[in-house]
Amino acid sequence: MTLIAIFFPFLSFLLRGRIITGIICLILQITLIGWIPAAVWAIISLQNARADQRNKKLIKAIKSK
């Protein structure tokens, strides 16, 4: 998924169900100058989503004890 975020940043958002964000990212990445910020944005967003999933698992594990 990280490679998708680098080469096709808008697709990374679309695959995670963030359609409006994906469209905004696509508009940004149409230009060559905007490609790098779009890729960085997609990677950071992906890492934040993964961190949220880890936190939810930890909270669930703590509550079940």
PDB file of N, CA and C in Angstrom:
ATOM      1  N   MET A   1       0.818  -1.188   0.000  1.00  0.00           N
ATOM      2  CA  MET A   1       0.000   0.000   0.000  1.00  0.00           C
ATOM      3  C   MET A   1       0.869   1.263   0.000  1.00  0.00           C
ATOM      4  N   THR A   2       2.067   1.161   0.567  1.00  0.00           N
ATOM      5  CA  THR A   2       2.961   2.314   0.586  1.00  0.00           C
ATOM      6  C   THR A   2       3.427   2.663  -0.828  1.00  0.00           C
ATOM      7  N   LEU A   3       3.680   1.658  -1.654  1.00  0.00           N
ATOM      8  CA  LEU A   3       4.079   1.934  -3.039  1.00  0.00           C
ATOM      9  C   LEU A   3       2.956   2.611  -3.817  1.00  0.00           C
ATOM     10  N   ILE A   4       1.737   2.207  -3.554  1.00  0.00           N
ATOM     11  CA  ILE A   4       0.589   2.865  -4.192  1.00  0.00           C
ATOM     12  C   ILE A   4       0.532   4.319  -3.754  1.00  0.00           C
ATOM     13  N   ALA A   5       0.793   4.570  -2.468  1.00  0.00           N
ATOM     14  CA  ALA A   5       0.773   5.941  -1.953  1.00  0.00           C
ATOM     15  C   ALA A   5       1.858   6.799  -2.598  1.00  0.00           C
ATOM     16  N   ILE A   6       2.972   6.192  -2.969  1.00  0.00           N
ATOM     17  CA  ILE A   6       4.055   6.953  -3.597  1.00  0.00           C
ATOM     18  C   ILE A   6       3.764   7.209  -5.072  1.00  0.00           C
ATOM     19  N   PHE A   7       3.385   6.171  -5.806  1.00  0.00           N
ATOM     20  CA  PHE A   7       3.219   6.310  -7.252  1.00  0.00           C
ATOM     21  C   PHE A   7       1.835   6.795  -7.671  1.00  0.00           C
ATOM     22  N   PHE A   8       0.803   6.440  -6.932  1.00  0.00           N
ATOM     23  CA  PHE A   8      -0.569   6.850  -7.233  1.00  0.00           C
ATOM     24  C   PHE A   8      -1.242   7.343  -5.949  1.00  0.00           C
ATOM     25  N   PRO A   9      -0.849   8.530  -5.482  1.00  0.00           N
ATOM     26  CA  PRO A   9      -1.362   9.006  -4.194  1.00  0.00           C
ATOM     27  C   PRO A   9      -2.882   9.063  -4.124  1.00  0.00           C
ATOM     28  N   PHE A  10      -3.536   9.500  -5.199  1.00  0.00           N
ATOM     29  CA  PHE A  10      -4.991   9.604  -5.172  1.00  0.00           C
ATOM     30  C   PHE A  10      -5.636   8.235  -5.015  1.00  0.00           C
ATOM     31  N   LEU A  11      -5.032   7.214  -5.580  1.00  0.00           N
ATOM     32  CA  LEU A  11      -5.576   5.862  -5.496  1.00  0.00           C
ATOM     33  C   LEU A  11      -5.497   5.324  -4.071  1.00  0.00           C
ATOM     34  N   SER A  12      -4.480   5.726  -3.352  1.00  0.00           N
ATOM     35  CA  SER A  12      -4.343   5.330  -1.952  1.00  0.00           C
ATOM     36  C   SER A  12      -5.536   5.821  -1.138  1.00  0.00           C
ATOM     37  N   PHE A  13      -5.956   7.061  -1.379  1.00  0.00           N
ATOM     38  CA  PHE A  13      -7.119   7.600  -0.675  1.00  0.00           C
ATOM     39  C   PHE A  13      -8.406   6.914  -1.121  1.00  0.00           C
ATOM     40  N   LEU A  14      -8.535   6.688  -2.415  1.00  0.00           N
ATOM     41  CA  LEU A  14      -9.757   6.072  -2.927  1.00  0.00           C
ATOM     42  C   LEU A  14      -9.937   4.646  -2.412  1.00  0.00           C
ATOM     43  N   LEU A  15      -8.848   3.902  -2.299  1.00  0.00           N
ATOM     44  CA  LEU A  15      -8.934   2.525  -1.807  1.00  0.00           C
ATOM     45  C   LEU A  15      -9.328   2.461  -0.332  1.00  0.00           C
ATOM     46  N   ARG A  16      -9.059   3.549   0.404  1.00  0.00           N
ATOM     47  CA  ARG A  16      -9.435   3.589   1.816  1.00  0.00           C
ATOM     48  C   ARG A  16     -10.784   4.256   2.028  1.00  0.00           C
ATOM     49  N   GLY A  17     -11.484   4.593   0.936  1.00  0.00           N
ATOM     50  CA  GLY A  17     -12.833   5.134   1.038  1.00  0.00           C
ATOM     51  C   GLY A  17     -12.907   6.629   1.258  1.00  0.00           C
ATOM     52  N   ARG A  18     -11.833   7.331   1.044  1.00  0.00           N
ATOM     53  CA  ARG A  18     -11.814   8.785   1.226  1.00  0.00           C
ATOM     54  C   ARG A  18     -11.881   9.436  -0.155  1.00  0.00           C
ATOM     55  N   ILE A  19     -13.083   9.488  -0.711  1.00  0.00           N
ATOM     56  CA  ILE A  19     -13.283   9.880  -2.108  1.00  0.00           C
ATOM     57  C   ILE A  19     -12.971  11.358  -2.342  1.00  0.00           C
ATOM     58  N   ILE A  20     -13.498  12.243  -1.509  1.00  0.00           N
ATOM     59  CA  ILE A  20     -13.263  13.677  -1.701  1.00  0.00           C
ATOM     60  C   ILE A  20     -11.766  13.991  -1.566  1.00  0.00           C
ATOM     61  N   THR A  21     -11.132  13.404  -0.591  1.00  0.00           N
ATOM     62  CA  THR A  21      -9.696  13.604  -0.402  1.00  0.00           C
ATOM     63  C   THR A  21      -8.923  13.065  -1.607  1.00  0.00           C
ATOM     64  N   GLY A  22      -9.360  11.936  -2.153  1.00  0.00           N
ATOM     65  CA  GLY A  22      -8.713  11.375  -3.330  1.00  0.00           C
ATOM     66  C   GLY A  22      -8.813  12.291  -4.535  1.00  0.00           C
ATOM     67  N   ILE A  23      -9.966  12.927  -4.709  1.00  0.00           N
ATOM     68  CA  ILE A  23     -10.146  13.851  -5.831  1.00  0.00           C
ATOM     69  C   ILE A  23      -9.259  15.082  -5.659  1.00  0.00           C
ATOM     70  N   ILE A  24      -9.199  15.611  -4.442  1.00  0.00           N
ATOM     71  CA  ILE A  24      -8.328  16.763  -4.181  1.00  0.00           C
ATOM     72  C   ILE A  24      -6.871  16.388  -4.428  1.00  0.00           C
ATOM     73  N   CYS A  25      -6.488  15.206  -4.010  1.00  0.00           N
ATOM     74  CA  CYS A  25      -5.118  14.734  -4.222  1.00  0.00           C
ATOM     75  C   CYS A  25      -4.837  14.553  -5.713  1.00  0.00           C
ATOM     76  N   LEU A  26      -5.797  14.058  -6.465  1.00  0.00           N
ATOM     77  CA  LEU A  26      -5.624  13.893  -7.911  1.00  0.00           C
ATOM     78  C   LEU A  26      -5.406  15.238  -8.584  1.00  0.00           C
ATOM     79  N   ILE A  27      -6.173  16.240  -8.181  1.00  0.00           N
ATOM     80  CA  ILE A  27      -5.993  17.580  -8.745  1.00  0.00           C
ATOM     81  C   ILE A  27      -4.601  18.102  -8.418  1.00  0.00           C
ATOM     82  N   LEU A  28      -4.132  17.851  -7.205  1.00  0.00           N
ATOM     83  CA  LEU A  28      -2.801  18.288  -6.811  1.00  0.00           C
ATOM     84  C   LEU A  28      -1.713  17.557  -7.586  1.00  0.00           C
ATOM     85  N   GLN A  29      -1.895  16.272  -7.811  1.00  0.00           N
ATOM     86  CA  GLN A  29      -0.826  15.497  -8.435  1.00  0.00           C
ATOM     87  C   GLN A  29      -0.813  15.608  -9.954  1.00  0.00           C
ATOM     88  N   ILE A  30      -1.779  16.273 -10.540  1.00  0.00           N
ATOM     89  CA  ILE A  30      -1.761  16.454 -11.995  1.00  0.00           C
ATOM     90  C   ILE A  30      -0.517  17.226 -12.429  1.00  0.00           C
ATOM     91  N   THR A  31      -0.087  18.159 -11.605  1.00  0.00           N
ATOM     92  CA  THR A  31       1.134  18.892 -11.933  1.00  0.00           C
ATOM     93  C   THR A  31       2.340  18.135 -11.383  1.00  0.00           C
ATOM     94  N   LEU A  32       3.460  18.280 -12.028  1.00  0.00           N
ATOM     95  CA  LEU A  32       4.676  17.610 -11.561  1.00  0.00           C
ATOM     96  C   LEU A  32       5.143  18.167 -10.226  1.00  0.00           C
ATOM     97  N   ILE A  33       4.966  19.462 -10.023  1.00  0.00           N
ATOM     98  CA  ILE A  33       5.373  20.068  -8.759  1.00  0.00           C
ATOM     99  C   ILE A  33       4.496  19.565  -7.625  1.00  0.00           C
ATOM    100  N   GLY A  34       3.226  19.305  -7.899  1.00  0.00           N
ATOM    101  CA  GLY A  34       2.296  18.855  -6.874  1.00  0.00           C
ATOM    102  C   GLY A  34       2.400  17.376  -6.554  1.00  0.00           C
ATOM    103  N   TRP A  35       3.117  16.628  -7.388  1.00  0.00           N
ATOM    104  CA  TRP A  35       3.210  15.176  -7.175  1.00  0.00           C
ATOM    105  C   TRP A  35       3.892  14.845  -5.847  1.00  0.00           C
ATOM    106  N   ILE A  36       4.973  15.514  -5.546  1.00  0.00           N
ATOM    107  CA  ILE A  36       5.714  15.219  -4.309  1.00  0.00           C
ATOM    108  C   ILE A  36       4.877  15.525  -3.067  1.00  0.00           C
ATOM    109  N   PRO A  37       4.243  16.704  -2.968  1.00  0.00           N
ATOM    110  CA  PRO A  37       3.393  16.934  -1.798  1.00  0.00           C
ATOM    111  C   PRO A  37       2.221  15.952  -1.711  1.00  0.00           C
ATOM    112  N   ALA A  38       1.674  15.558  -2.851  1.00  0.00           N
ATOM    113  CA  ALA A  38       0.566  14.597  -2.849  1.00  0.00           C
ATOM    114  C   ALA A  38       1.043  13.241  -2.335  1.00  0.00           C
ATOM    115  N   ALA A  39       2.216  12.824  -2.753  1.00  0.00           N
ATOM    116  CA  ALA A  39       2.756  11.539  -2.294  1.00  0.00           C
ATOM    117  C   ALA A  39       3.068  11.582  -0.801  1.00  0.00           C
ATOM    118  N   VAL A  40       3.645  12.673  -0.341  1.00  0.00           N
ATOM    119  CA  VAL A  40       3.956  12.808   1.088  1.00  0.00           C
ATOM    120  C   VAL A  40       2.660  12.810   1.897  1.00  0.00           C
ATOM    121  N   TRP A  41       1.653  13.537   1.412  1.00  0.00           N
ATOM    122  CA  TRP A  41       0.358  13.597   2.076  1.00  0.00           C
ATOM    123  C   TRP A  41      -0.261  12.206   2.173  1.00  0.00           C
ATOM    124  N   ALA A  42      -0.203  11.442   1.087  1.00  0.00           N
ATOM    125  CA  ALA A  42      -0.775  10.099   1.079  1.00  0.00           C
ATOM    126  C   ALA A  42      -0.037   9.166   2.038  1.00  0.00           C
ATOM    127  N   ILE A  43       1.271   9.258   2.098  1.00  0.00           N
ATOM    128  CA  ILE A  43       2.054   8.391   2.992  1.00  0.00           C
ATOM    129  C   ILE A  43       1.780   8.738   4.454  1.00  0.00           C
ATOM    130  N   ILE A  44       1.749  10.026   4.768  1.00  0.00           N
ATOM    131  CA  ILE A  44       1.465  10.441   6.147  1.00  0.00           C
ATOM    132  C   ILE A  44       0.060  10.011   6.551  1.00  0.00           C
ATOM    133  N   SER A  45      -0.886  10.171   5.660  1.00  0.00           N
ATOM    134  CA  SER A  45      -2.260   9.763   5.950  1.00  0.00           C
ATOM    135  C   SER A  45      -2.358   8.255   6.165  1.00  0.00           C
ATOM    136  N   LEU A  46      -1.633   7.500   5.372  1.00  0.00           N
ATOM    137  CA  LEU A  46      -1.612   6.046   5.519  1.00  0.00           C
ATOM    138  C   LEU A  46      -1.015   5.641   6.862  1.00  0.00           C
ATOM    139  N   GLN A  47       0.082   6.288   7.254  1.00  0.00           N
ATOM    140  CA  GLN A  47       0.708   5.980   8.539  1.00  0.00           C
ATOM    141  C   GLN A  47      -0.212   6.343   9.707  1.00  0.00           C
ATOM    142  N   ASN A  48      -0.933   7.458   9.583  1.00  0.00           N
ATOM    143  CA  ASN A  48      -1.878   7.850  10.630  1.00  0.00           C
ATOM    144  C   ASN A  48      -3.022   6.849  10.739  1.00  0.00           C
ATOM    145  N   ALA A  49      -3.494   6.338   9.614  1.00  0.00           N
ATOM    146  CA  ALA A  49      -4.571   5.347   9.638  1.00  0.00           C
ATOM    147  C   ALA A  49      -4.097   4.058  10.307  1.00  0.00           C
ATOM    148  N   ARG A  50      -2.868   3.665  10.017  1.00  0.00           N
ATOM    149  CA  ARG A  50      -2.318   2.459  10.651  1.00  0.00           C
ATOM    150  C   ARG A  50      -2.151   2.658  12.151  1.00  0.00           C
ATOM    151  N   ALA A  51      -1.726   3.844  12.567  1.00  0.00           N
ATOM    152  CA  ALA A  51      -1.573   4.136  13.994  1.00  0.00           C
ATOM    153  C   ALA A  51      -2.932   4.126  14.695  1.00  0.00           C
ATOM    154  N   ASP A  52      -3.958   4.640  14.031  1.00  0.00           N
ATOM    155  CA  ASP A  52      -5.310   4.614  14.607  1.00  0.00           C
ATOM    156  C   ASP A  52      -5.789   3.184  14.811  1.00  0.00           C
ATOM    157  N   GLN A  53      -5.506   2.317  13.850  1.00  0.00           N
ATOM    158  CA  GLN A  53      -5.904   0.917  13.984  1.00  0.00           C
ATOM    159  C   GLN A  53      -5.182   0.251  15.149  1.00  0.00           C
ATOM    160  N   ARG A  54      -3.882   0.527  15.304  1.00  0.00           N
ATOM    161  CA  ARG A  54      -3.134  -0.031  16.433  1.00  0.00           C
ATOM    162  C   ARG A  54      -3.693   0.461  17.758  1.00  0.00           C
ATOM    163  N   ASN A  55      -4.020   1.752  17.824  1.00  0.00           N
ATOM    164  CA  ASN A  55      -4.560   2.309  19.063  1.00  0.00           C
ATOM    165  C   ASN A  55      -5.906   1.695  19.414  1.00  0.00           C
ATOM    166  N   LYS A  56      -6.751   1.476  18.419  1.00  0.00           N
ATOM    167  CA  LYS A  56      -8.050   0.852  18.675  1.00  0.00           C
ATOM    168  C   LYS A  56      -7.881  -0.569  19.212  1.00  0.00           C
ATOM    169  N   LYS A  57      -6.915  -1.305  18.657  1.00  0.00           N
ATOM    170  CA  LYS A  57      -6.654  -2.661  19.146  1.00  0.00           C
ATOM    171  C   LYS A  57      -6.151  -2.636  20.579  1.00  0.00           C
ATOM    172  N   LEU A  58      -5.279  -1.688  20.897  1.00  0.00           N
ATOM    173  CA  LEU A  58      -4.757  -1.586  22.261  1.00  0.00           C
ATOM    174  C   LEU A  58      -5.864  -1.213  23.257  1.00  0.00           C
ATOM    175  N   ILE A  59      -6.705  -0.278  22.880  1.00  0.00           N
ATOM    176  CA  ILE A  59      -7.804   0.126  23.763  1.00  0.00           C
ATOM    177  C   ILE A  59      -8.754  -1.026  23.980  1.00  0.00           C
ATOM    178  N   LYS A  60      -9.040  -1.776  22.928  1.00  0.00           N
ATOM    179  CA  LYS A  60      -9.928  -2.933  23.043  1.00  0.00           C
ATOM    180  C   LYS A  60      -9.318  -3.996  23.957  1.00  0.00           C
ATOM    181  N   ALA A  61      -8.003  -4.212  23.831  1.00  0.00           N
ATOM    182  CA  ALA A  61      -7.325  -5.203  24.677  1.00  0.00           C
ATOM    183  C   ALA A  61      -7.320  -4.772  26.135  1.00  0.00           C
ATOM    184  N   ILE A  62      -7.147  -3.475  26.373  1.00  0.00           N
ATOM    185  CA  ILE A  62      -7.142  -2.988  27.750  1.00  0.00           C
ATOM    186  C   ILE A  62      -8.529  -3.087  28.371  1.00  0.00           C
ATOM    187  N   LYS A  63      -9.557  -2.775  27.610  1.00  0.00           N
ATOM    188  CA  LYS A  63     -10.923  -2.831  28.131  1.00  0.00           C
ATOM    189  C   LYS A  63     -11.377  -4.254  28.417  1.00  0.00           C
ATOM    190  N   SER A  64     -10.861  -5.207  27.656  1.00  0.00           N
ATOM    191  CA  SER A  64     -11.309  -6.596  27.841  1.00  0.00           C
ATOM    192  C   SER A  64     -10.688  -7.243  29.085  1.00  0.00           C
ATOM    193  N   LYS A  65      -9.661  -6.645  29.662  1.00  0.00           N
ATOM    194  CA  LYS A  65      -9.005  -7.224  30.847  1.00  0.00           C
ATOM    195  C   LYS A  65      -9.717  -6.879  32.098  1.00  0.00           C
TER     196      LYS A  65
END
